[in-house]
Protein backbone atom coordinates (compact mmCIF):
# COMPACT_ATOMS: atom_id res chain seq x y z
CA MET A 1 108.80 106.86 120.89
CA PRO A 2 105.48 105.31 119.84
CA ALA A 3 104.06 106.33 116.47
CA PHE A 4 100.42 107.03 115.71
CA THR A 5 98.69 108.95 112.93
CA LEU A 6 95.75 111.06 114.02
CA PRO A 7 92.82 110.57 111.60
CA LEU A 8 92.43 114.27 110.93
CA GLU A 9 90.32 113.76 107.81
CA ASP A 10 87.95 111.17 109.30
CA PRO A 11 84.49 112.78 109.70
CA ALA A 12 83.74 110.55 112.70
CA PHE A 13 86.88 111.77 114.48
CA LEU A 14 86.09 115.41 113.68
CA ARG A 15 82.57 114.92 115.01
CA ASP A 16 83.77 113.44 118.29
CA PRO A 17 87.54 113.22 118.81
CA TYR A 18 87.33 112.69 122.57
CA PRO A 19 87.15 108.86 122.86
CA LEU A 20 90.31 108.45 120.78
CA LEU A 21 92.05 111.30 122.59
CA ALA A 22 91.25 109.64 125.93
CA GLU A 23 92.77 106.39 124.71
CA LEU A 24 95.92 108.10 123.46
CA ARG A 25 96.27 110.18 126.64
CA ALA A 26 95.97 107.08 128.83
CA ARG A 27 98.64 105.24 126.84
CA TRP A 28 101.20 107.91 126.01
CA PRO A 29 102.13 111.40 127.24
CA ALA A 30 103.69 111.85 123.79
CA PHE A 31 103.81 110.10 120.43
CA TYR A 32 105.15 110.80 116.95
CA ASP A 33 102.62 111.46 114.20
CA PRO A 34 104.28 110.57 110.86
CA GLY A 35 101.46 112.20 108.91
CA MET A 36 101.98 115.60 110.53
CA ARG A 37 105.69 114.92 111.19
CA ARG A 38 105.28 116.24 114.69
CA VAL A 39 105.74 115.01 118.22
CA VAL A 40 102.29 115.19 119.81
CA LEU A 41 101.69 115.88 123.52
CA THR A 42 98.47 114.56 125.07
CA ARG A 43 98.40 115.48 128.79
CA HIS A 44 97.67 118.70 130.64
CA ALA A 45 100.88 118.72 132.71
CA GLU A 46 103.23 118.31 129.74
CA ILE A 47 101.28 120.71 127.52
CA SER A 48 101.05 123.48 130.12
CA ALA A 49 104.78 123.08 130.83
CA ALA A 50 105.57 123.26 127.10
CA LEU A 51 103.53 126.45 126.72
CA ARG A 52 105.73 128.13 129.36
CA ASP A 53 109.05 126.65 128.19
CA ARG A 54 111.11 129.29 126.38
CA ARG A 55 113.05 126.54 124.61
CA LEU A 56 109.93 126.24 122.49
CA GLY A 57 108.50 129.06 120.41
CA ARG A 58 106.11 129.97 117.64
CA SER A 59 108.97 130.79 115.28
CA ALA A 60 112.57 129.64 114.84
CA LEU A 61 113.67 131.76 111.89
CA HIS A 62 114.77 134.59 114.19
CA ARG A 63 117.47 132.20 115.46
CA TYR A 64 118.28 129.86 112.57
CA SER A 65 118.25 129.77 108.78
CA ARG A 66 116.05 127.28 106.93
CA ASP A 67 119.18 125.37 105.91
CA GLU A 68 120.30 125.07 109.54
CA LEU A 69 116.87 123.73 110.50
CA GLY A 70 116.65 121.37 107.55
CA TRP A 71 113.48 123.09 106.34
CA PRO A 72 112.55 123.39 102.66
CA PRO A 73 112.64 126.83 101.02
CA PRO A 74 109.55 129.00 101.46
CA ASP A 75 106.62 128.17 99.21
CA PRO A 76 106.10 131.03 96.74
CA ARG A 77 102.41 130.14 96.55
CA GLN A 78 101.92 131.55 100.05
CA ALA A 79 104.43 134.38 100.09
CA SER A 80 101.92 136.99 101.31
CA PHE A 81 100.64 134.67 104.03
CA ASP A 82 104.21 133.98 105.21
CA ALA A 83 105.00 137.70 105.24
CA PHE A 84 101.85 138.31 107.30
CA ASN A 85 102.87 135.60 109.77
CA SER A 86 106.30 137.14 110.25
CA ASN A 87 104.91 140.49 111.39
CA HIS A 88 102.34 139.72 114.06
CA LEU A 89 102.32 138.62 117.68
CA LEU A 90 101.29 135.02 117.24
CA ASP A 91 104.32 133.90 115.27
CA SER A 92 107.01 136.16 116.68
CA GLU A 93 109.40 135.66 119.59
CA PRO A 94 111.19 138.05 121.97
CA PRO A 95 112.46 140.67 121.67
CA LYS A 96 110.17 141.35 118.69
CA HIS A 97 107.16 139.78 120.41
CA THR A 98 107.76 141.83 123.57
CA ARG A 99 107.86 145.05 121.55
CA LEU A 100 104.74 144.23 119.48
CA ARG A 101 102.67 143.08 122.45
CA SER A 102 103.59 146.19 124.39
CA LEU A 103 102.60 148.53 121.55
CA VAL A 104 99.40 146.65 120.67
CA GLY A 105 98.50 146.51 124.37
CA LEU A 106 98.52 150.32 124.49
CA ALA A 107 95.63 150.30 122.01
CA PHE A 108 93.77 147.04 122.63
CA THR A 109 93.04 147.64 126.30
CA PRO A 110 90.64 145.90 128.74
CA ARG A 111 88.80 149.21 129.02
CA ARG A 112 88.22 149.26 125.25
CA VAL A 113 86.83 145.70 125.41
CA ASP A 114 84.60 146.40 128.43
CA ALA A 115 83.18 149.46 126.71
CA LEU A 116 81.78 147.21 123.97
CA GLN A 117 79.21 145.49 126.23
CA GLY A 118 76.33 147.84 125.48
CA ARG A 119 76.99 147.77 121.74
CA ILE A 120 77.24 143.96 121.74
CA GLU A 121 73.91 143.69 123.54
CA ALA A 122 72.27 146.01 121.00
CA ILE A 123 73.62 143.97 118.08
CA LEU A 124 72.37 140.76 119.69
CA GLU A 125 68.91 142.22 120.25
CA ALA A 126 68.68 143.13 116.57
CA GLN A 127 69.93 139.70 115.47
CA LEU A 128 67.42 137.85 117.64
CA ARG A 129 64.42 139.89 116.52
CA GLY A 130 62.22 137.43 114.66
CA LEU A 131 64.87 134.69 114.61
CA GLY A 132 63.21 131.29 114.46
CA ALA A 133 59.73 132.66 113.78
CA ALA A 134 59.66 131.15 110.29
CA GLY A 135 60.84 127.71 111.36
CA PRO A 136 64.23 126.00 111.68
CA PHE A 137 67.34 128.12 111.18
CA ASP A 138 71.10 127.65 111.04
CA LEU A 139 72.53 128.77 114.37
CA VAL A 140 76.01 129.20 112.84
CA ALA A 141 75.15 131.44 109.88
CA ASP A 142 72.16 133.20 111.43
CA TYR A 143 73.49 133.84 114.94
CA ALA A 144 77.01 132.69 115.84
CA GLU A 145 78.82 134.26 112.88
CA PRO A 146 77.37 137.76 112.49
CA LEU A 147 78.12 139.15 115.96
CA PRO A 148 81.91 138.58 116.20
CA VAL A 149 82.43 139.85 112.65
CA THR A 150 80.38 142.97 113.36
CA VAL A 151 82.14 143.59 116.68
CA ILE A 152 85.67 143.24 115.33
CA ALA A 153 84.73 145.43 112.34
CA GLU A 154 83.38 148.15 114.62
CA LEU A 155 86.33 147.78 116.98
CA LEU A 156 88.80 148.23 114.14
CA GLY A 157 86.74 150.90 112.40
CA VAL A 158 85.92 149.06 109.17
CA PRO A 159 82.99 150.88 107.50
CA GLU A 160 79.80 148.85 107.17
CA GLY A 161 79.94 148.82 103.38
CA GLN A 162 83.41 147.24 103.41
CA ARG A 163 82.77 144.35 105.82
CA ARG A 164 81.47 141.72 103.40
CA GLY A 165 84.84 140.08 102.94
CA LEU A 166 85.84 139.82 106.61
CA ARG A 167 84.43 136.39 107.46
CA PRO A 168 85.45 134.75 104.14
CA TRP A 169 88.94 136.25 104.47
CA SER A 170 89.36 134.87 107.97
CA ALA A 171 88.00 131.44 107.01
CA ALA A 172 90.48 131.29 104.13
CA ILE A 173 93.49 132.44 106.16
CA VAL A 174 93.02 130.02 109.05
CA LYS A 175 92.99 127.02 106.69
CA LEU A 176 96.76 127.42 106.35
CA TYR A 177 97.16 126.59 110.04
CA GLU A 178 95.98 123.05 109.32
CA PRO A 179 98.78 120.45 108.95
CA ALA A 180 98.24 119.75 105.23
CA PRO A 181 96.64 122.67 103.36
CA THR A 182 95.88 122.12 99.68
CA ALA A 183 97.03 124.25 96.76
CA ALA A 184 93.50 125.67 96.61
CA ASP A 185 93.72 126.56 100.31
CA GLN A 186 97.01 128.37 99.67
CA ALA A 187 95.55 130.34 96.76
CA GLU A 188 92.49 131.38 98.77
CA ALA A 189 94.61 132.43 101.76
CA GLU A 190 96.96 134.44 99.55
CA ARG A 191 94.04 136.27 97.97
CA ALA A 192 92.48 136.90 101.40
CA VAL A 193 95.68 138.37 102.86
CA LEU A 194 96.20 140.63 99.83
CA GLU A 195 92.59 141.86 99.72
CA PHE A 196 92.33 142.51 103.44
CA SER A 197 95.76 144.17 103.50
CA ALA A 198 94.69 146.54 100.71
CA LEU A 199 91.58 147.54 102.63
CA LEU A 200 93.54 148.06 105.84
CA ARG A 201 96.19 150.21 104.13
CA GLU A 202 93.40 152.49 102.92
CA LEU A 203 91.95 152.71 106.42
CA VAL A 204 95.35 153.32 108.03
CA ALA A 205 96.03 156.19 105.61
CA ALA A 206 92.59 157.64 106.33
CA ARG A 207 93.11 157.43 110.11
CA ARG A 208 96.50 159.10 109.89
CA ALA A 209 94.81 161.99 108.06
CA GLN A 210 91.66 162.03 110.20
CA PRO A 211 91.78 160.10 113.51
CA GLN A 212 88.63 158.36 114.73
CA ASP A 213 87.60 156.63 117.95
CA ASP A 214 88.55 153.13 116.79
CA LEU A 215 91.30 150.56 117.22
CA ILE A 216 93.06 151.32 113.93
CA THR A 217 93.50 154.93 115.06
CA ALA A 218 94.70 153.76 118.47
CA LEU A 219 97.23 151.42 116.82
CA VAL A 220 98.41 154.21 114.51
CA GLN A 221 98.93 156.47 117.54
CA ALA A 222 100.42 153.86 119.90
CA GLU A 223 103.91 154.93 120.85
CA GLN A 224 106.38 153.83 123.50
CA GLU A 225 109.72 155.57 124.00
CA GLY A 226 109.53 156.93 120.46
CA ASP A 227 108.73 153.53 118.93
CA ARG A 228 105.66 152.93 116.79
CA LEU A 229 104.25 150.05 114.78
CA THR A 230 105.32 150.05 111.14
CA GLU A 231 102.51 150.09 108.59
CA GLN A 232 103.14 146.40 107.81
CA GLU A 233 103.06 145.46 111.50
CA LEU A 234 99.87 147.45 111.97
CA VAL A 235 98.15 145.82 108.99
CA ASP A 236 99.20 142.32 110.02
CA THR A 237 98.12 142.93 113.62
CA CYS A 238 94.64 143.89 112.39
CA ILE A 239 94.42 140.72 110.27
CA LEU A 240 95.42 138.67 113.30
CA LEU A 241 92.80 140.41 115.45
CA LEU A 242 90.14 139.57 112.85
CA ASN A 243 91.10 135.89 112.94
CA ALA A 244 91.69 135.58 116.69
CA GLY A 245 88.85 137.95 117.53
CA HIS A 246 86.06 135.85 116.14
CA GLU A 247 87.08 132.27 115.28
CA ALA A 248 86.90 131.21 118.95
CA SER A 249 83.62 133.08 119.38
CA VAL A 250 81.89 131.54 116.34
CA ASN A 251 83.06 128.00 117.01
CA GLY A 252 82.83 128.23 120.79
CA LEU A 253 79.24 129.44 120.75
CA SER A 254 77.90 126.96 118.20
CA ALA A 255 79.66 123.98 119.81
CA GLY A 256 78.61 125.17 123.25
CA VAL A 257 74.94 125.45 122.29
CA LEU A 258 75.10 121.98 120.72
CA ALA A 259 76.52 120.55 123.96
CA LEU A 260 73.81 122.28 126.01
CA LEU A 261 70.96 121.10 123.78
CA ARG A 262 72.26 117.55 123.89
CA GLN A 263 72.14 117.73 127.70
CA ARG A 264 68.90 119.61 128.11
CA GLU A 265 69.06 120.06 131.85
CA HIS A 266 72.08 122.36 131.43
CA TRP A 267 70.29 124.51 128.86
CA ASP A 268 67.27 124.77 131.16
CA THR A 269 69.52 125.79 134.06
CA LEU A 270 70.91 128.70 132.04
CA VAL A 271 67.45 129.69 130.81
CA ALA A 272 66.28 129.89 134.42
CA ALA A 273 69.22 132.14 135.30
CA ALA A 274 69.15 134.35 132.20
CA HIS A 275 66.71 137.05 133.35
CA ALA A 276 68.32 137.71 136.71
CA PRO A 277 69.98 141.16 136.79
CA ASP A 278 73.26 139.69 138.04
CA SER A 279 73.33 136.71 135.66
CA LEU A 280 76.40 137.62 133.60
CA PRO A 281 78.87 135.93 136.03
CA VAL A 282 76.82 132.73 135.72
CA PHE A 283 77.22 132.82 131.95
CA ARG A 284 80.90 133.73 132.14
CA LYS A 285 81.54 130.64 134.25
CA ALA A 286 79.42 128.48 131.93
CA VAL A 287 81.44 129.73 128.95
CA GLU A 288 84.69 128.61 130.58
CA GLU A 289 83.28 125.10 130.95
CA LEU A 290 81.92 125.00 127.41
CA LEU A 291 85.32 126.07 126.04
CA ARG A 292 86.91 123.27 128.04
CA PHE A 293 84.32 120.64 127.22
CA ASP A 294 84.46 121.07 123.44
CA THR A 295 87.60 122.99 122.54
CA PRO A 296 87.35 125.19 119.42
CA LEU A 297 91.15 125.09 118.96
CA PRO A 298 91.97 121.41 119.59
CA LEU A 299 95.59 121.47 118.40
CA PHE A 300 98.29 124.11 118.30
CA GLU A 301 102.02 123.84 117.88
CA ARG A 302 105.41 125.03 119.04
CA ILE A 303 108.83 124.85 117.39
CA VAL A 304 111.92 123.67 119.24
CA LEU A 305 114.50 126.46 119.68
CA ASP A 306 117.05 124.66 121.88
CA PRO A 307 117.76 120.93 122.28
CA LEU A 308 115.55 119.42 124.97
CA THR A 309 113.90 116.23 126.16
CA LEU A 310 110.13 116.47 126.28
CA ALA A 311 107.94 113.64 127.64
CA GLY A 312 110.81 111.25 126.95
CA ALA A 313 111.45 112.53 123.42
CA ASP A 314 114.85 114.02 122.49
CA LEU A 315 114.17 117.03 120.28
CA LYS A 316 116.42 119.32 118.24
CA PRO A 317 115.96 122.87 116.94
CA GLY A 318 113.39 123.03 114.17
CA ASP A 319 111.38 120.03 115.37
CA ARG A 320 107.66 120.74 115.65
CA VAL A 321 105.60 119.83 118.69
CA ALA A 322 101.80 119.56 118.46
CA LEU A 323 99.90 120.36 121.64
CA LEU A 324 96.53 118.61 121.92
CA TYR A 325 94.57 121.24 123.84
CA ALA A 326 91.39 119.19 123.43
CA SER A 327 93.06 116.24 125.14
CA ALA A 328 94.55 118.37 127.92
CA ASN A 329 91.13 119.89 128.60
CA ARG A 330 89.71 116.41 129.30
CA ASP A 331 92.67 115.12 131.33
CA PRO A 332 91.39 113.31 134.47
CA ALA A 333 94.69 114.11 136.21
CA ARG A 334 93.66 117.79 136.11
CA PHE A 335 89.86 117.78 135.99
CA GLU A 336 87.42 115.80 138.09
CA ALA A 337 84.98 113.85 135.85
CA PRO A 338 86.41 115.54 132.74
CA ASP A 339 83.81 114.08 130.36
CA ASP A 340 80.98 115.62 132.39
CA LEU A 341 79.67 119.05 131.53
CA ARG A 342 79.66 121.03 134.80
CA LEU A 343 78.67 124.63 134.25
CA THR A 344 79.86 125.73 137.69
CA ARG A 345 83.25 123.98 137.53
CA ASP A 346 85.75 125.86 139.65
CA PRO A 347 88.67 125.98 139.29
CA ASN A 348 88.74 125.44 135.55
CA PRO A 349 92.35 125.63 134.29
CA HIS A 350 91.57 124.84 130.65
CA LEU A 351 94.16 125.63 128.02
CA THR A 352 91.83 126.87 125.28
CA PHE A 353 93.49 130.29 125.10
CA GLY A 354 97.01 129.00 125.75
CA LEU A 355 99.48 130.05 128.43
CA GLY A 356 102.68 132.03 128.72
CA ILE A 357 103.75 134.90 126.49
CA HIS A 358 101.53 133.73 123.63
CA TYR A 359 98.35 133.69 125.72
CA CYS A 360 95.55 134.82 123.39
CA LEU A 361 95.35 138.60 123.20
CA GLY A 362 91.69 138.40 122.15
CA ALA A 363 90.58 136.13 125.03
CA PRO A 364 88.78 138.89 127.03
CA LEU A 365 86.77 139.93 123.95
CA ALA A 366 85.91 136.31 123.06
CA ARG A 367 84.78 135.63 126.63
CA LEU A 368 82.57 138.72 126.71
CA GLU A 369 80.99 137.95 123.33
CA LEU A 370 80.32 134.34 124.27
CA ALA A 371 78.74 135.14 127.64
CA LEU A 372 76.51 137.88 126.22
CA SER A 373 75.56 135.82 123.14
CA LEU A 374 74.61 132.78 125.19
CA ARG A 375 72.60 134.81 127.71
CA ALA A 376 70.71 136.67 124.97
CA LEU A 377 69.88 133.40 123.21
CA CYS A 378 68.57 131.84 126.44
CA ARG A 379 66.41 134.89 127.08
CA ALA A 380 64.97 135.13 123.58
CA LEU A 381 64.55 131.45 122.69
CA PRO A 382 64.18 129.45 125.91
CA GLY A 383 62.58 126.52 124.07
CA LEU A 384 65.41 126.21 121.55
CA ARG A 385 66.04 122.64 120.38
CA LEU A 386 67.84 120.73 117.66
CA ALA A 387 65.83 120.56 114.44
CA ASP A 388 66.92 116.93 114.00
CA PRO A 389 68.49 115.29 117.08
CA HIS A 390 69.81 112.47 114.88
CA GLU A 391 71.72 114.87 112.59
CA PRO A 392 72.93 117.50 115.03
CA GLY A 393 75.57 119.33 113.01
CA GLN A 394 77.99 119.47 110.10
CA TYR A 395 81.67 120.20 110.79
CA THR A 396 83.98 122.33 108.66
CA GLY A 397 86.61 119.62 108.17
CA GLY A 398 89.43 121.33 110.08
CA PHE A 399 90.96 120.13 113.33
CA VAL A 400 93.47 122.83 114.28
CA ILE A 401 90.46 125.16 114.21
CA ARG A 402 87.45 122.88 114.64
CA GLY A 403 83.92 124.15 114.31
CA LEU A 404 80.46 123.52 113.02
CA ALA A 405 79.75 124.57 109.46
CA ARG A 406 76.02 124.29 110.16
CA LEU A 407 73.73 123.65 113.13
CA ASP A 408 70.00 123.50 112.40
CA VAL A 409 67.83 124.43 115.39
CA GLN A 410 64.29 125.60 115.96
CA ALA A 411 62.66 127.86 118.47
CA GLY A 412 60.66 125.16 120.19
């Protein structure tokens, strides 16, 4: 198998990974990355097949010991993070995953998400009031970040005075999904898990005593054939919902607006459509294309559970497989003119939210937030433009979760 090390710390690659990904995809369906120590898949067909293959999973420790897998012992510096990972949907496998998803699904329903539309629109209206009047502003901090944090806080039932830590906690936790987190990253993630868990335990106890109309209460009350979530499962599910519920929204919106402002005709098309009473479907379709065009989760992984051959590579249990979603989403074998931004692309089988049993639980909420946020921005600031077209944005430095740290824009 060919070997190649992705330049995950190269600012130029983080700014625009797509030329290199196109080259790798054209040459190899798979390669071995010695830096990450993972087999990396590059093409849509192989990645979509891997996402549905039950010989691959998000966890292997339900089947094997660390010794059997040849893995090192757990790192005590991230004990709380590892415990959190072992109790939520993302990193569990059947039958535990089936049970958790069923119970969480009783509470986190499409109806609950749809009911948020009016509240989301009210929050956006307040955020946009006066935005840009004083000159250039940071689209990430001043617009993209506040909404998803507020929505997930209100959805869960976190009181307004206790929300300050939510975004920093999530930002710290997701750093441990990168291939090589630092000791400082581990310490920050540990602290974030412990602090958020403490807050959630207080809220769970309060909702048991006095139920409210919020998701924590619904999770507390969710029951199927006498089975309920344990307190630890409930707490860890809420932490996961915080992370999954707004990382894609923050990064998807800021990257999407950057792409639109770089290709002005697309922004102007959406501005022209924004005031029509039936415009939301237009923005929902545009969001799908923006999530494909610049993927906020470029790389995710699976762990081999049973011996298999994948894209010519013989793999054994415990081997890790990295799935380049960003490459799959630009695969010319699956998408016509994949490097073109086409807001009406249909069909659009992008892999941004995954496939199979681990398909993102928060995808409907992220899609709704993104469509409403983009439409509100087009309505309020139709002349929006980059403050400096030659310095369009600063990236966070992550690639598993890739996003803009800052995007300076002005009202026009």
